[in-house]
C-alpha atoms as a PDB file:
ATOM      1  CA  CYS A   1      23.176   9.863  10.299  1.00  0.00           C
ATOM      2  CA  PRO A   2      20.302  10.316  12.727  1.00  0.00           C
ATOM      3  CA  LEU A   3      21.621  13.596  14.173  1.00  0.00           C
ATOM      4  CA  ILE A   4      21.621  15.582  10.953  1.00  0.00           C
ATOM      5  CA  GLU A   5      19.423  18.599  11.537  1.00  0.00           C
ATOM      6  CA  ALA A   6      17.198  20.557   9.212  1.00  0.00           C
ATOM      7  CA  GLY A   7      18.925  23.636   7.870  1.00  0.00           C
ATOM      8  CA  SER A   8      22.099  21.838   6.753  1.00  0.00           C
ATOM      9  CA  THR A   9      23.267  22.903   3.326  1.00  0.00           C
ATOM     10  CA  PRO A  10      23.988  20.540   0.452  1.00  0.00           C
ATOM     11  CA  GLY A  11      27.648  19.591   0.395  1.00  0.00           C
ATOM     12  CA  SER A  12      28.187  20.344   4.099  1.00  0.00           C
ATOM     13  CA  ASN A  13      30.198  17.744   6.012  1.00  0.00           C
ATOM     14  CA  ILE A  14      29.064  16.571   9.410  1.00  0.00           C
ATOM     15  CA  SER A  15      31.161  14.304  11.660  1.00  0.00           C
ATOM     16  CA  GLN A  16      29.837  12.651  14.741  1.00  0.00           C
ATOM     17  CA  VAL A  17      30.998   9.960  17.141  1.00  0.00           C
ATOM     18  CA  ALA A  18      28.620   7.216  18.259  1.00  0.00           C
ATOM     19  CA  VAL A  19      28.888   3.994  20.269  1.00  0.00           C
ATOM     20  CA  ALA A  20      28.578   1.266  17.664  1.00  0.00           C
ATOM     21  CA  SER A  21      28.754  -1.855  19.826  1.00  0.00           C
ATOM     22  CA  THR A  22      30.019  -3.356  23.050  1.00  0.00           C
ATOM     23  CA  SER A  23      32.360  -6.354  23.009  1.00  0.00           C
ATOM     24  CA  SER A  24      32.022  -9.394  25.256  1.00  0.00           C
ATOM     25  CA  SER A  25      34.681  -7.910  27.581  1.00  0.00           C
ATOM     26  CA  GLY A  26      32.506  -4.810  28.060  1.00  0.00           C
ATOM     27  CA  ASP A  27      34.671  -2.441  25.977  1.00  0.00           C
ATOM     28  CA  ALA A  28      32.738   0.061  23.882  1.00  0.00           C
ATOM     29  CA  HIS A  29      33.885   0.520  20.306  1.00  0.00           C
ATOM     30  CA  LEU A  30      33.539   4.043  19.003  1.00  0.00           C
ATOM     31  CA  LEU A  31      32.760   4.650  15.374  1.00  0.00           C
ATOM     32  CA  THR A  32      33.250   7.973  13.644  1.00  0.00           C
ATOM     33  CA  LEU A  33      30.763   8.669  10.902  1.00  0.00           C
ATOM     34  CA  SER A  34      31.562  11.203   8.231  1.00  0.00           C
ATOM     35  CA  CYS A  35      28.360  12.349   6.546  1.00  0.00           C
ATOM     36  CA  MET A  36      27.681  14.733   3.675  1.00  0.00           C
ATOM     37  CA  VAL A  37      24.270  16.207   2.854  1.00  0.00           C
ATOM     38  CA  LEU A  38      23.581  15.658  -0.861  1.00  0.00           C
ATOM     39  CA  THR A  39      20.092  17.123  -1.324  1.00  0.00           C
ATOM     40  CA  LEU A  40      17.505  18.946   0.760  1.00  0.00           C
ATOM     41  CA  GLY A  41      13.729  18.761   0.595  1.00  0.00           C
ATOM     42  CA  VAL A  42      11.393  21.734   0.347  1.00  0.00           C
ATOM     43  CA  ASP A  43      11.083  21.809   4.138  1.00  0.00           C
ATOM     44  CA  GLY A  44      14.862  22.143   4.515  1.00  0.00           C
ATOM     45  CA  ALA A  45      15.342  18.629   5.885  1.00  0.00           C
ATOM     46  CA  PRO A  46      18.011  16.425   4.292  1.00  0.00           C
ATOM     47  CA  LYS A  47      16.566  14.039   1.709  1.00  0.00           C
ATOM     48  CA  ARG A  48      19.817  12.343   0.630  1.00  0.00           C
ATOM     49  CA  VAL A  49      23.020  11.976   2.661  1.00  0.00           C
ATOM     50  CA  ARG A  50      26.207   9.969   2.238  1.00  0.00           C
ATOM     51  CA  CYS A  51      27.705   8.488   5.414  1.00  0.00           C
ATOM     52  CA  ASN A  52      31.051   6.658   5.156  1.00  0.00           C
ATOM     53  CA  GLY A  53      30.401   5.899   1.494  1.00  0.00           C
ATOM     54  CA  THR A  54      26.828   4.668   1.961  1.00  0.00           C
ATOM     55  CA  GLU A  55      24.144   6.826   0.386  1.00  0.00           C
ATOM     56  CA  LEU A  56      20.922   7.117   2.370  1.00  0.00           C
ATOM     57  CA  SER A  57      17.710   8.702   1.129  1.00  0.00           C
ATOM     58  CA  VAL A  58      14.158   9.364   2.262  1.00  0.00           C
ATOM     59  CA  PRO A  59      11.644   8.022  -0.269  1.00  0.00           C
ATOM     60  CA  GLU A  60       9.109  10.419  -1.717  1.00  0.00           C
ATOM     61  CA  SER A  61       5.536   9.794  -0.657  1.00  0.00           C
ATOM     62  CA  GLU A  62       3.778   7.368  -2.934  1.00  0.00           C
ATOM     63  CA  VAL A  63       0.294   8.835  -3.320  1.00  0.00           C
ATOM     64  CA  LEU A  64      -1.590   7.028  -6.051  1.00  0.00           C
ATOM     65  CA  PRO A  65      -3.394   9.235  -8.572  1.00  0.00           C
ATOM     66  CA  GLU A  66      -7.160   8.919  -8.164  1.00  0.00           C
ATOM     67  CA  GLY A  67      -8.703   6.675 -10.802  1.00  0.00           C
ATOM     68  CA  SER A  68      -5.471   4.956 -11.841  1.00  0.00           C
ATOM     69  CA  PRO A  69      -5.440   1.126 -12.069  1.00  0.00           C
ATOM     70  CA  ALA A  70      -3.213   0.920  -8.980  1.00  0.00           C
ATOM     71  CA  TRP A  71      -5.648   3.186  -7.078  1.00  0.00           C
ATOM     72  CA  TRP A  72      -8.577   0.906  -7.983  1.00  0.00           C
ATOM     73  CA  ARG A  73      -6.605  -2.192  -6.915  1.00  0.00           C
ATOM     74  CA  ALA A  74      -5.808  -0.550  -3.585  1.00  0.00           C
ATOM     75  CA  LEU A  75      -9.460   0.473  -3.100  1.00  0.00           C
ATOM     76  CA  ILE A  76     -10.776  -3.014  -3.907  1.00  0.00           C
ATOM     77  CA  GLY A  77      -8.147  -4.561  -1.612  1.00  0.00           C
ATOM     78  CA  ALA A  78      -9.134  -2.239   1.237  1.00  0.00           C
ATOM     79  CA  LEU A  79     -12.835  -3.024   0.756  1.00  0.00           C
ATOM     80  CA  ALA A  80     -12.075  -6.759   0.678  1.00  0.00           C
ATOM     81  CA  CYS A  81     -10.175  -6.444   3.966  1.00  0.00           C
ATOM     82  CA  VAL A  82     -13.078  -4.548   5.575  1.00  0.00           C
ATOM     83  CA  CYS A  83     -15.595  -7.162   4.362  1.00  0.00           C
ATOM     84  CA  CYS A  84     -13.445 -10.039   5.644  1.00  0.00           C
ATOM     85  CA  ALA A  85     -13.071  -8.336   9.025  1.00  0.00           C
ATOM     86  CA  ALA A  86     -16.848  -7.781   9.245  1.00  0.00           C
ATOM     87  CA  MET A  87     -17.538 -11.407   8.351  1.00  0.00           C
ATOM     88  CA  ALA A  88     -15.035 -12.665  10.931  1.00  0.00           C
ATOM     89  CA  ALA A  89     -16.597 -10.423  13.596  1.00  0.00           C
ATOM     90  CA  GLY A  90     -20.097 -11.641  12.737  1.00  0.00           C
ATOM     91  CA  LEU A  91     -19.112 -15.290  12.778  1.00  0.00           C
ATOM     92  CA  THR A  92     -17.348 -14.839  16.105  1.00  0.00           C
ATOM     93  CA  LEU A  93     -20.405 -13.146  17.586  1.00  0.00           C
ATOM     94  CA  GLY A  94     -22.659 -15.893  16.245  1.00  0.00           C
ATOM     95  CA  LEU A  95     -20.467 -18.644  17.649  1.00  0.00           C
ATOM     96  CA  THR A  96     -20.266 -17.047  21.095  1.00  0.00           C
ATOM     97  CA  SER A  97     -24.057 -16.592  21.205  1.00  0.00           C
ATOM     98  CA  PHE A  98     -24.658 -20.371  21.448  1.00  0.00           C
ATOM     99  CA  ASP A  99     -25.477 -21.498  24.951  1.00  0.00           C
ATOM    100  CA  GLU A 100     -24.893 -25.052  26.079  1.00  0.00           C
ATOM    101  CA  PHE A 101     -28.385 -25.583  27.469  1.00  0.00           C
ATOM    102  CA  GLY A 102     -30.087 -24.554  24.218  1.00  0.00           C
ATOM    103  CA  LEU A 103     -27.889 -26.929  22.228  1.00  0.00           C
ATOM    104  CA  GLN A 104     -28.655 -29.801  24.633  1.00  0.00           C
ATOM    105  CA  VAL A 105     -32.399 -29.183  24.302  1.00  0.00           C
ATOM    106  CA  LEU A 106     -32.073 -29.197  20.517  1.00  0.00           C
ATOM    107  CA  CYS A 107     -30.102 -32.460  20.577  1.00  0.00           C
ATOM    108  CA  ASN A 108     -32.641 -34.144  22.896  1.00  0.00           C
ATOM    109  CA  LEU A 109     -35.715 -33.349  20.774  1.00  0.00           C
ATOM    110  CA  ASP A 110     -37.313 -36.359  19.138  1.00  0.00           C
ATOM    111  CA  VAL A 111     -37.928 -36.100  15.417  1.00  0.00           C
ATOM    112  CA  GLU A 112     -41.337 -37.740  15.858  1.00  0.00           C
ATOM    113  CA  ASP A 113     -42.416 -34.921  18.215  1.00  0.00           C
ATOM    114  CA  ILE A 114     -42.779 -32.551  15.273  1.00  0.00           C
ATOM    115  CA  ALA A 115     -46.332 -31.210  15.174  1.00  0.00           C
ATOM    116  CA  SER A 116     -48.714 -33.752  13.731  1.00  0.00           C
ATOM    117  CA  ASP A 117     -51.169 -31.079  12.548  1.00  0.00           C
ATOM    118  CA  LEU A 118     -48.880 -30.311   9.573  1.00  0.00           C
ATOM    119  CA  ASP A 119     -49.402 -31.987   6.226  1.00  0.00           C
ATOM    120  CA  ASP A 120     -47.016 -34.831   5.357  1.00  0.00           C
ATOM    121  CA  GLU A 121     -44.741 -32.761   3.113  1.00  0.00           C
ATOM    122  CA  SER A 122     -44.313 -29.907   5.634  1.00  0.00           C
ATOM    123  CA  ARG A 123     -43.815 -32.390   8.473  1.00  0.00           C
ATOM    124  CA  THR A 124     -41.118 -34.252   6.502  1.00  0.00           C
ATOM    125  CA  LYS A 125     -39.282 -30.994   5.734  1.00  0.00           C
ATOM    126  CA  ALA A 126     -39.467 -29.943   9.408  1.00  0.00           C
ATOM    127  CA  GLN A 127     -38.121 -33.333  10.508  1.00  0.00           C
ATOM    128  CA  GLU A 128     -35.230 -33.093   8.018  1.00  0.00           C
ATOM    129  CA  ARG A 129     -34.452 -29.565   9.231  1.00  0.00           C
ATOM    130  CA  LEU A 130     -34.492 -30.735  12.869  1.00  0.00           C
ATOM    131  CA  GLU A 131     -32.140 -33.638  12.080  1.00  0.00           C
ATOM    132  CA  ARG A 132     -29.758 -31.267  10.274  1.00  0.00           C
ATOM    133  CA  ASP A 133     -29.865 -28.787  13.172  1.00  0.00           C
ATOM    134  CA  GLN A 134     -29.162 -31.607  15.632  1.00  0.00           C
ATOM    135  CA  GLU A 135     -26.091 -32.637  13.605  1.00  0.00           C
ATOM    136  CA  TYR A 136     -24.824 -29.045  13.685  1.00  0.00           C
ATOM    137  CA  ALA A 137     -25.521 -28.760  17.429  1.00  0.00           C
ATOM    138  CA  GLN A 138     -23.530 -31.941  18.099  1.00  0.00           C
ATOM    139  CA  ALA A 139     -20.653 -30.594  16.013  1.00  0.00           C
ATOM    140  CA  VAL A 140     -20.540 -27.399  18.080  1.00  0.00           C
END
């Protein structure tokens, strides 16, 4: 009963007529709803009504008590969502920061061009890192 106004009293009957549907021939079917206010909230608005035998109610707000297990689960879930959103934003920014020219230069470098002034172990590590970076650049 969407037209029930605040200030109704419990037990008061309200009847209203509404257009329920239109048939394929274009005829409107009128439906009369008979509603009764069962309970009122502290603000005077109906909390429970019965319309044509169907009971409708407005749920009470579900505020979780601070420190309860459900409150901690909700907090951890919210923090997980924020962290996932931040990670997705960072990865998106990182992916869009690649430019095609820089990736082509990386792919065209020769592994043997790594500085020869490095000792053998450092040079080998640098060559392995370059090969790995080239594989990633080709994948992108």
